[in-house]
Amino acid sequence: MKVSMLQPAEFYKACLREACPESPIIMLDKLKQKVFQANLDLVKHGLVIHTWGNVSGRDTETGLVVIKPSGVSYDSMKPADMVVLDPEGKVLEGKFKPSTDAPTHLLLYKTFSSVGGIVHTHSTYATSWAQAGKSVPPFGTTHADHYYGSVPCSRKLTGREVKDNYEINTGKVIIETLKDTDPLAVPSVLVNCHGPFCWGTDAEKAVYNAVALEEIARMAFYTILLGKNEPIDQYLLDKHFKRKHGKDAYYGQ
């Protein structure tokens, strides 16, 4: 088999049919395990109930995406239940349908090359801000450690955008909201009247950011209840973000 002549999706399917020393199957099995665990971590951290929420991960070698199946209970879900998609959304492996949010994930992966994992939840505080149509302001250093500015809330989708290609248009409004912002500097967007989408360089980091967002959204809620509306000083935000992120970071080991 001439591997170099095949596209990633074709290569993957060919390797399912015959032994191949360059096979991505083992690599994707590891990714399926990681994505499976990341989905369970949403439950562990209290970010989802029932079958809400989903996590996906992208394989950097093939560009293929592994995502949670739609409507499958976290209690019964297994690594083998994860669904493998090509970048266009074609199912390459899996007995279940992929998450209904898969088109949103795929569009974000196509747009942001640095993103390797995506999370969508309906966590209480982050979703409350989304339902209110409000961005989460950077009130303190906890926020600044994770986000270089407000966590933005998108505009509302139009009736036409909801009726036609809803999930793709959800991805488009996230991209529109970020504009030219580095997606790893602001690794979350609140979709108006819907909820948060978060991402990172892999599925584990995307979950980490979703957990951080929920706590930051909770802190911001109580900060406003206590009467403060002014954001953190820019110089303090700069200090806290840049000591943990970028070429001059010095936080940690």
C-alpha atoms as a PDB file:
ATOM      1  CA  MET A   1       0.000   0.000   0.000  1.00  0.00           C
ATOM      2  CA  LYS A   2       1.446   3.369  -1.026  1.00  0.00           C
ATOM      3  CA  VAL A   3       0.735   5.323   2.131  1.00  0.00           C
ATOM      4  CA  SER A   4       2.038   8.621   0.775  1.00  0.00           C
ATOM      5  CA  MET A   5      -0.626   8.601  -1.948  1.00  0.00           C
ATOM      6  CA  LEU A   6      -3.530   8.388   0.508  1.00  0.00           C
ATOM      7  CA  GLN A   7      -5.333  11.122   2.370  1.00  0.00           C
ATOM      8  CA  PRO A   8      -5.479  10.642   6.192  1.00  0.00           C
ATOM      9  CA  ALA A   9      -9.049   9.305   6.147  1.00  0.00           C
ATOM     10  CA  GLU A  10      -8.298   6.917   3.270  1.00  0.00           C
ATOM     11  CA  PHE A  11      -5.110   5.796   4.993  1.00  0.00           C
ATOM     12  CA  TYR A  12      -7.006   5.072   8.187  1.00  0.00           C
ATOM     13  CA  LYS A  13      -9.660   3.011   6.390  1.00  0.00           C
ATOM     14  CA  ALA A  14      -6.993   1.132   4.421  1.00  0.00           C
ATOM     15  CA  CYS A  15      -5.206   0.269   7.660  1.00  0.00           C
ATOM     16  CA  LEU A  16      -8.429  -1.136   9.046  1.00  0.00           C
ATOM     17  CA  ARG A  17      -8.461  -3.565   6.120  1.00  0.00           C
ATOM     18  CA  GLU A  18      -4.841  -4.748   6.243  1.00  0.00           C
ATOM     19  CA  ALA A  19      -1.787  -4.774   8.469  1.00  0.00           C
ATOM     20  CA  CYS A  20       0.236  -1.639   8.029  1.00  0.00           C
ATOM     21  CA  PRO A  21       3.488  -0.778   9.835  1.00  0.00           C
ATOM     22  CA  GLU A  22       2.595   2.924   9.747  1.00  0.00           C
ATOM     23  CA  SER A  23      -0.913   2.223  11.032  1.00  0.00           C
ATOM     24  CA  PRO A  24      -2.546   5.063  13.008  1.00  0.00           C
ATOM     25  CA  ILE A  25      -4.951   2.613  14.660  1.00  0.00           C
ATOM     26  CA  ILE A  26      -2.889   2.160  17.834  1.00  0.00           C
ATOM     27  CA  MET A  27      -2.340   5.901  18.048  1.00  0.00           C
ATOM     28  CA  LEU A  28      -6.086   6.559  17.698  1.00  0.00           C
ATOM     29  CA  ASP A  29      -6.844   3.907  20.302  1.00  0.00           C
ATOM     30  CA  LYS A  30      -4.749   5.977  22.706  1.00  0.00           C
ATOM     31  CA  LEU A  31      -6.618   9.108  21.659  1.00  0.00           C
ATOM     32  CA  LYS A  32      -9.961   7.366  22.150  1.00  0.00           C
ATOM     33  CA  GLN A  33      -8.885   6.441  25.680  1.00  0.00           C
ATOM     34  CA  LYS A  34      -7.847  10.054  26.367  1.00  0.00           C
ATOM     35  CA  VAL A  35     -11.084  11.486  24.966  1.00  0.00           C
ATOM     36  CA  PHE A  36     -13.117   8.912  26.903  1.00  0.00           C
ATOM     37  CA  GLN A  37     -11.339   9.871  30.132  1.00  0.00           C
ATOM     38  CA  ALA A  38     -11.742  13.578  29.391  1.00  0.00           C
ATOM     39  CA  ASN A  39     -15.493  13.073  29.052  1.00  0.00           C
ATOM     40  CA  LEU A  40     -15.613  11.254  32.390  1.00  0.00           C
ATOM     41  CA  ASP A  41     -13.637  14.120  33.911  1.00  0.00           C
ATOM     42  CA  LEU A  42     -16.530  16.459  33.058  1.00  0.00           C
ATOM     43  CA  VAL A  43     -18.689  14.353  35.363  1.00  0.00           C
ATOM     44  CA  LYS A  44     -15.981  14.185  38.052  1.00  0.00           C
ATOM     45  CA  HIS A  45     -15.693  17.972  38.113  1.00  0.00           C
ATOM     46  CA  GLY A  46     -19.453  18.510  38.221  1.00  0.00           C
ATOM     47  CA  LEU A  47     -19.654  20.230  34.829  1.00  0.00           C
ATOM     48  CA  VAL A  48     -22.317  17.931  33.328  1.00  0.00           C
ATOM     49  CA  ILE A  49     -25.340  15.833  34.286  1.00  0.00           C
ATOM     50  CA  HIS A  50     -27.331  13.210  32.344  1.00  0.00           C
ATOM     51  CA  THR A  51     -25.825  13.006  28.826  1.00  0.00           C
ATOM     52  CA  TRP A  52     -25.050  16.731  28.586  1.00  0.00           C
ATOM     53  CA  GLY A  53     -21.729  17.922  27.265  1.00  0.00           C
ATOM     54  CA  ASN A  54     -19.029  16.482  25.048  1.00  0.00           C
ATOM     55  CA  VAL A  55     -15.270  16.370  24.556  1.00  0.00           C
ATOM     56  CA  SER A  56     -13.318  15.759  21.370  1.00  0.00           C
ATOM     57  CA  GLY A  57      -9.646  15.432  20.520  1.00  0.00           C
ATOM     58  CA  ARG A  58      -7.745  15.808  17.275  1.00  0.00           C
ATOM     59  CA  ASP A  59      -4.896  13.559  16.185  1.00  0.00           C
ATOM     60  CA  THR A  60      -2.091  15.816  15.041  1.00  0.00           C
ATOM     61  CA  GLU A  61      -0.628  13.272  12.610  1.00  0.00           C
ATOM     62  CA  THR A  62      -3.758  12.386  10.640  1.00  0.00           C
ATOM     63  CA  GLY A  63      -6.084  15.294  11.390  1.00  0.00           C
ATOM     64  CA  LEU A  64      -8.769  12.805  12.410  1.00  0.00           C
ATOM     65  CA  VAL A  65     -11.070  13.668  15.298  1.00  0.00           C
ATOM     66  CA  VAL A  66     -12.337  11.463  18.128  1.00  0.00           C
ATOM     67  CA  ILE A  67     -15.541  12.604  19.830  1.00  0.00           C
ATOM     68  CA  LYS A  68     -18.103  11.435  22.365  1.00  0.00           C
ATOM     69  CA  PRO A  69     -21.122   9.599  20.919  1.00  0.00           C
ATOM     70  CA  SER A  70     -24.488  11.343  21.000  1.00  0.00           C
ATOM     71  CA  GLY A  71     -26.840  10.658  23.894  1.00  0.00           C
ATOM     72  CA  VAL A  72     -24.828   7.838  25.477  1.00  0.00           C
ATOM     73  CA  SER A  73     -24.805   7.708  29.273  1.00  0.00           C
ATOM     74  CA  TYR A  74     -21.505   8.476  30.971  1.00  0.00           C
ATOM     75  CA  ASP A  75     -22.156   5.507  33.269  1.00  0.00           C
ATOM     76  CA  SER A  76     -22.248   3.004  30.404  1.00  0.00           C
ATOM     77  CA  MET A  77     -19.842   4.655  27.968  1.00  0.00           C
ATOM     78  CA  LYS A  78     -16.602   2.851  27.036  1.00  0.00           C
ATOM     79  CA  PRO A  79     -13.461   3.942  25.153  1.00  0.00           C
ATOM     80  CA  ALA A  80     -14.523   1.815  22.187  1.00  0.00           C
ATOM     81  CA  ASP A  81     -17.724   3.875  21.956  1.00  0.00           C
ATOM     82  CA  MET A  82     -15.819   6.999  20.915  1.00  0.00           C
ATOM     83  CA  VAL A  83     -16.503   7.978  17.305  1.00  0.00           C
ATOM     84  CA  VAL A  84     -13.717   8.634  14.767  1.00  0.00           C
ATOM     85  CA  LEU A  85     -14.417  11.343  12.193  1.00  0.00           C
ATOM     86  CA  ASP A  86     -12.498  12.702   9.254  1.00  0.00           C
ATOM     87  CA  PRO A  87     -12.134  16.509   9.058  1.00  0.00           C
ATOM     88  CA  GLU A  88     -15.304  16.719   6.933  1.00  0.00           C
ATOM     89  CA  GLY A  89     -17.383  14.841   9.503  1.00  0.00           C
ATOM     90  CA  LYS A  90     -17.545  11.432   7.846  1.00  0.00           C
ATOM     91  CA  VAL A  91     -17.718   8.605  10.381  1.00  0.00           C
ATOM     92  CA  LEU A  92     -14.717   6.306   9.941  1.00  0.00           C
ATOM     93  CA  GLU A  93     -15.242   4.186  13.019  1.00  0.00           C
ATOM     94  CA  GLY A  94     -17.921   3.836  15.685  1.00  0.00           C
ATOM     95  CA  LYS A  95     -21.215   2.073  16.237  1.00  0.00           C
ATOM     96  CA  PHE A  96     -22.913   5.230  17.533  1.00  0.00           C
ATOM     97  CA  LYS A  97     -23.688   8.574  15.977  1.00  0.00           C
ATOM     98  CA  PRO A  98     -21.221  11.313  16.946  1.00  0.00           C
ATOM     99  CA  SER A  99     -22.211  14.170  19.229  1.00  0.00           C
ATOM    100  CA  THR A 100     -24.666  16.546  17.595  1.00  0.00           C
ATOM    101  CA  ASP A 101     -22.107  19.299  18.293  1.00  0.00           C
ATOM    102  CA  ALA A 102     -19.512  17.573  16.081  1.00  0.00           C
ATOM    103  CA  PRO A 103     -19.884  20.102  13.208  1.00  0.00           C
ATOM    104  CA  THR A 104     -19.055  22.912  15.650  1.00  0.00           C
ATOM    105  CA  HIS A 105     -15.948  21.070  16.850  1.00  0.00           C
ATOM    106  CA  LEU A 106     -14.795  20.309  13.305  1.00  0.00           C
ATOM    107  CA  LEU A 107     -15.138  23.923  12.171  1.00  0.00           C
ATOM    108  CA  LEU A 108     -13.109  25.136  15.153  1.00  0.00           C
ATOM    109  CA  TYR A 109     -10.386  22.590  14.406  1.00  0.00           C
ATOM    110  CA  LYS A 110     -10.267  23.721  10.772  1.00  0.00           C
ATOM    111  CA  THR A 111      -9.960  27.357  11.839  1.00  0.00           C
ATOM    112  CA  PHE A 112      -7.564  27.075  14.786  1.00  0.00           C
ATOM    113  CA  SER A 113      -4.529  24.916  14.044  1.00  0.00           C
ATOM    114  CA  SER A 114      -3.235  25.248  17.624  1.00  0.00           C
ATOM    115  CA  VAL A 115      -6.363  23.634  19.098  1.00  0.00           C
ATOM    116  CA  GLY A 116      -6.196  19.886  19.752  1.00  0.00           C
ATOM    117  CA  GLY A 117      -9.120  19.392  22.122  1.00  0.00           C
ATOM    118  CA  ILE A 118     -12.576  20.935  22.532  1.00  0.00           C
ATOM    119  CA  VAL A 119     -15.153  20.793  25.337  1.00  0.00           C
ATOM    120  CA  HIS A 120     -18.780  21.867  25.417  1.00  0.00           C
ATOM    121  CA  THR A 121     -20.729  21.888  28.684  1.00  0.00           C
ATOM    122  CA  HIS A 122     -23.794  23.454  30.232  1.00  0.00           C
ATOM    123  CA  SER A 123     -22.037  24.083  33.539  1.00  0.00           C
ATOM    124  CA  THR A 124     -24.117  26.220  35.883  1.00  0.00           C
ATOM    125  CA  TYR A 125     -22.258  29.500  36.262  1.00  0.00           C
ATOM    126  CA  ALA A 126     -20.698  29.724  32.804  1.00  0.00           C
ATOM    127  CA  THR A 127     -24.072  28.906  31.228  1.00  0.00           C
ATOM    128  CA  SER A 128     -25.782  31.494  33.416  1.00  0.00           C
ATOM    129  CA  TRP A 129     -23.512  34.179  31.960  1.00  0.00           C
ATOM    130  CA  ALA A 130     -24.241  32.855  28.458  1.00  0.00           C
ATOM    131  CA  GLN A 131     -27.990  32.900  29.081  1.00  0.00           C
ATOM    132  CA  ALA A 132     -27.698  36.476  30.313  1.00  0.00           C
ATOM    133  CA  GLY A 133     -25.809  37.339  27.132  1.00  0.00           C
ATOM    134  CA  LYS A 134     -22.893  38.733  29.125  1.00  0.00           C
ATOM    135  CA  SER A 135     -19.137  38.317  28.845  1.00  0.00           C
ATOM    136  CA  VAL A 136     -17.283  37.367  32.030  1.00  0.00           C
ATOM    137  CA  PRO A 137     -15.159  40.395  33.051  1.00  0.00           C
ATOM    138  CA  PRO A 138     -11.617  39.945  34.363  1.00  0.00           C
ATOM    139  CA  PHE A 139     -12.096  41.035  37.971  1.00  0.00           C
ATOM    140  CA  GLY A 140      -8.967  39.545  39.502  1.00  0.00           C
ATOM    141  CA  THR A 141      -5.758  37.599  39.162  1.00  0.00           C
ATOM    142  CA  THR A 142      -7.469  34.187  39.148  1.00  0.00           C
ATOM    143  CA  HIS A 143      -9.143  35.170  35.905  1.00  0.00           C
ATOM    144  CA  ALA A 144      -5.919  36.718  34.581  1.00  0.00           C
ATOM    145  CA  ASP A 145      -4.009  33.490  35.206  1.00  0.00           C
ATOM    146  CA  HIS A 146      -6.174  31.759  32.606  1.00  0.00           C
ATOM    147  CA  TYR A 147      -7.632  34.361  30.221  1.00  0.00           C
ATOM    148  CA  TYR A 148      -6.021  37.401  28.667  1.00  0.00           C
ATOM    149  CA  GLY A 149      -9.117  39.555  29.015  1.00  0.00           C
ATOM    150  CA  SER A 150     -12.839  38.949  29.272  1.00  0.00           C
ATOM    151  CA  VAL A 151     -14.339  35.597  28.402  1.00  0.00           C
ATOM    152  CA  PRO A 152     -16.483  36.872  25.526  1.00  0.00           C
ATOM    153  CA  CYS A 153     -20.136  36.114  24.913  1.00  0.00           C
ATOM    154  CA  SER A 154     -21.245  35.860  21.313  1.00  0.00           C
ATOM    155  CA  ARG A 155     -24.133  37.666  19.694  1.00  0.00           C
ATOM    156  CA  LYS A 156     -27.401  35.772  19.358  1.00  0.00           C
ATOM    157  CA  LEU A 157     -27.789  33.553  16.335  1.00  0.00           C
ATOM    158  CA  THR A 158     -30.446  34.710  13.906  1.00  0.00           C
ATOM    159  CA  GLY A 159     -33.543  32.668  13.171  1.00  0.00           C
ATOM    160  CA  ARG A 160     -32.058  31.650   9.815  1.00  0.00           C
ATOM    161  CA  GLU A 161     -28.763  30.637  11.423  1.00  0.00           C
ATOM    162  CA  VAL A 162     -30.635  28.426  13.869  1.00  0.00           C
ATOM    163  CA  LYS A 163     -32.909  26.894  11.233  1.00  0.00           C
ATOM    164  CA  ASP A 164     -30.190  26.112   8.688  1.00  0.00           C
ATOM    165  CA  ASN A 165     -26.859  24.524   9.678  1.00  0.00           C
ATOM    166  CA  TYR A 166     -27.289  25.384  13.356  1.00  0.00           C
ATOM    167  CA  GLU A 167     -24.178  23.589  14.623  1.00  0.00           C
ATOM    168  CA  ILE A 168     -21.952  24.989  11.879  1.00  0.00           C
ATOM    169  CA  ASN A 169     -23.305  28.478  12.524  1.00  0.00           C
ATOM    170  CA  THR A 170     -22.548  27.999  16.219  1.00  0.00           C
ATOM    171  CA  GLY A 171     -18.928  27.434  15.236  1.00  0.00           C
ATOM    172  CA  LYS A 172     -19.006  30.456  12.952  1.00  0.00           C
ATOM    173  CA  VAL A 173     -20.294  32.750  15.691  1.00  0.00           C
ATOM    174  CA  ILE A 174     -17.534  31.525  18.030  1.00  0.00           C
ATOM    175  CA  ILE A 175     -14.936  32.357  15.381  1.00  0.00           C
ATOM    176  CA  GLU A 176     -16.607  35.726  14.754  1.00  0.00           C
ATOM    177  CA  THR A 177     -16.534  36.485  18.482  1.00  0.00           C
ATOM    178  CA  LEU A 178     -12.830  35.716  18.860  1.00  0.00           C
ATOM    179  CA  LYS A 179     -11.919  37.736  15.754  1.00  0.00           C
ATOM    180  CA  ASP A 180      -8.101  37.980  15.710  1.00  0.00           C
ATOM    181  CA  THR A 181      -7.611  36.842  19.314  1.00  0.00           C
ATOM    182  CA  ASP A 182      -5.200  33.959  19.875  1.00  0.00           C
ATOM    183  CA  PRO A 183      -7.537  31.079  20.807  1.00  0.00           C
ATOM    184  CA  LEU A 184      -5.057  29.846  23.410  1.00  0.00           C
ATOM    185  CA  ALA A 185      -4.957  33.278  25.090  1.00  0.00           C
ATOM    186  CA  VAL A 186      -8.750  33.233  25.459  1.00  0.00           C
ATOM    187  CA  PRO A 187      -9.577  29.513  25.355  1.00  0.00           C
ATOM    188  CA  SER A 188     -13.343  29.837  25.793  1.00  0.00           C
ATOM    189  CA  VAL A 189     -16.346  31.569  24.289  1.00  0.00           C
ATOM    190  CA  LEU A 190     -19.853  31.744  25.729  1.00  0.00           C
ATOM    191  CA  VAL A 191     -22.441  31.159  23.020  1.00  0.00           C
ATOM    192  CA  ASN A 192     -25.360  33.483  23.707  1.00  0.00           C
ATOM    193  CA  CYS A 193     -28.392  31.710  25.227  1.00  0.00           C
ATOM    194  CA  HIS A 194     -26.535  28.399  24.947  1.00  0.00           C
ATOM    195  CA  GLY A 195     -23.378  27.770  26.941  1.00  0.00           C
ATOM    196  CA  PRO A 196     -19.569  27.599  26.964  1.00  0.00           C
ATOM    197  CA  PHE A 197     -17.230  26.074  24.416  1.00  0.00           C
ATOM    198  CA  CYS A 198     -13.669  25.647  25.672  1.00  0.00           C
ATOM    199  CA  TRP A 199     -10.510  24.315  24.060  1.00  0.00           C
ATOM    200  CA  GLY A 200      -6.838  23.631  24.538  1.00  0.00           C
ATOM    201  CA  THR A 201      -3.875  21.959  22.907  1.00  0.00           C
ATOM    202  CA  ASP A 202      -5.415  18.567  23.736  1.00  0.00           C
ATOM    203  CA  ALA A 203      -8.575  17.136  25.301  1.00  0.00           C
ATOM    204  CA  GLU A 204      -7.148  17.145  28.828  1.00  0.00           C
ATOM    205  CA  LYS A 205      -6.205  20.818  28.645  1.00  0.00           C
ATOM    206  CA  ALA A 206      -9.599  21.663  27.183  1.00  0.00           C
ATOM    207  CA  VAL A 207     -11.251  20.092  30.232  1.00  0.00           C
ATOM    208  CA  TYR A 208      -8.824  21.970  32.488  1.00  0.00           C
ATOM    209  CA  ASN A 209      -9.944  25.230  30.879  1.00  0.00           C
ATOM    210  CA  ALA A 210     -13.618  24.294  31.221  1.00  0.00           C
ATOM    211  CA  VAL A 211     -13.108  23.657  34.947  1.00  0.00           C
ATOM    212  CA  ALA A 212     -11.245  26.964  35.336  1.00  0.00           C
ATOM    213  CA  LEU A 213     -13.957  28.832  33.434  1.00  0.00           C
ATOM    214  CA  GLU A 214     -16.726  27.517  35.671  1.00  0.00           C
ATOM    215  CA  GLU A 215     -14.905  28.617  38.827  1.00  0.00           C
ATOM    216  CA  ILE A 216     -14.020  32.004  37.316  1.00  0.00           C
ATOM    217  CA  ALA A 217     -17.631  32.535  36.236  1.00  0.00           C
ATOM    218  CA  ARG A 218     -18.761  31.710  39.792  1.00  0.00           C
ATOM    219  CA  MET A 219     -16.284  34.169  41.307  1.00  0.00           C
ATOM    220  CA  ALA A 220     -17.362  36.884  38.874  1.00  0.00           C
ATOM    221  CA  PHE A 221     -21.021  36.338  39.771  1.00  0.00           C
ATOM    222  CA  TYR A 222     -20.314  36.850  43.467  1.00  0.00           C
ATOM    223  CA  THR A 223     -17.988  39.786  42.784  1.00  0.00           C
ATOM    224  CA  ILE A 224     -20.854  41.623  41.085  1.00  0.00           C
ATOM    225  CA  LEU A 225     -23.223  40.709  43.926  1.00  0.00           C
ATOM    226  CA  LEU A 226     -20.749  42.355  46.297  1.00  0.00           C
ATOM    227  CA  GLY A 227     -20.955  45.556  44.270  1.00  0.00           C
ATOM    228  CA  LYS A 228     -17.837  45.600  42.116  1.00  0.00           C
ATOM    229  CA  ASN A 229     -18.086  46.206  38.370  1.00  0.00           C
ATOM    230  CA  GLU A 230     -14.625  47.544  37.465  1.00  0.00           C
ATOM    231  CA  PRO A 231     -12.186  45.099  35.859  1.00  0.00           C
ATOM    232  CA  ILE A 232      -8.684  44.353  37.076  1.00  0.00           C
ATOM    233  CA  ASP A 233      -6.006  46.925  36.181  1.00  0.00           C
ATOM    234  CA  GLN A 234      -4.427  46.095  32.836  1.00  0.00           C
ATOM    235  CA  TYR A 235      -0.902  46.015  34.248  1.00  0.00           C
ATOM    236  CA  LEU A 236      -1.905  43.398  36.816  1.00  0.00           C
ATOM    237  CA  LEU A 237      -3.746  41.331  34.208  1.00  0.00           C
ATOM    238  CA  ASP A 238      -0.654  41.512  31.983  1.00  0.00           C
ATOM    239  CA  LYS A 239       1.619  40.374  34.788  1.00  0.00           C
ATOM    240  CA  HIS A 240      -0.451  37.379  35.819  1.00  0.00           C
ATOM    241  CA  PHE A 241      -1.217  36.129  32.330  1.00  0.00           C
ATOM    242  CA  LYS A 242       2.279  36.570  30.931  1.00  0.00           C
ATOM    243  CA  ARG A 243       4.050  34.955  33.869  1.00  0.00           C
ATOM    244  CA  LYS A 244       2.161  31.724  33.048  1.00  0.00           C
ATOM    245  CA  HIS A 245       1.877  31.960  29.246  1.00  0.00           C
ATOM    246  CA  GLY A 246       4.153  32.842  26.346  1.00  0.00           C
ATOM    247  CA  LYS A 247       7.892  33.046  25.781  1.00  0.00           C
ATOM    248  CA  ASP A 248       8.614  34.977  28.991  1.00  0.00           C
ATOM    249  CA  ALA A 249       6.558  32.744  31.309  1.00  0.00           C
ATOM    250  CA  TYR A 250       8.276  31.759  34.534  1.00  0.00           C
ATOM    251  CA  TYR A 251       5.503  30.186  36.646  1.00  0.00           C
ATOM    252  CA  GLY A 252       5.923  26.497  37.519  1.00  0.00           C
ATOM    253  CA  GLN A 253       8.748  23.985  37.174  1.00  0.00           C
END
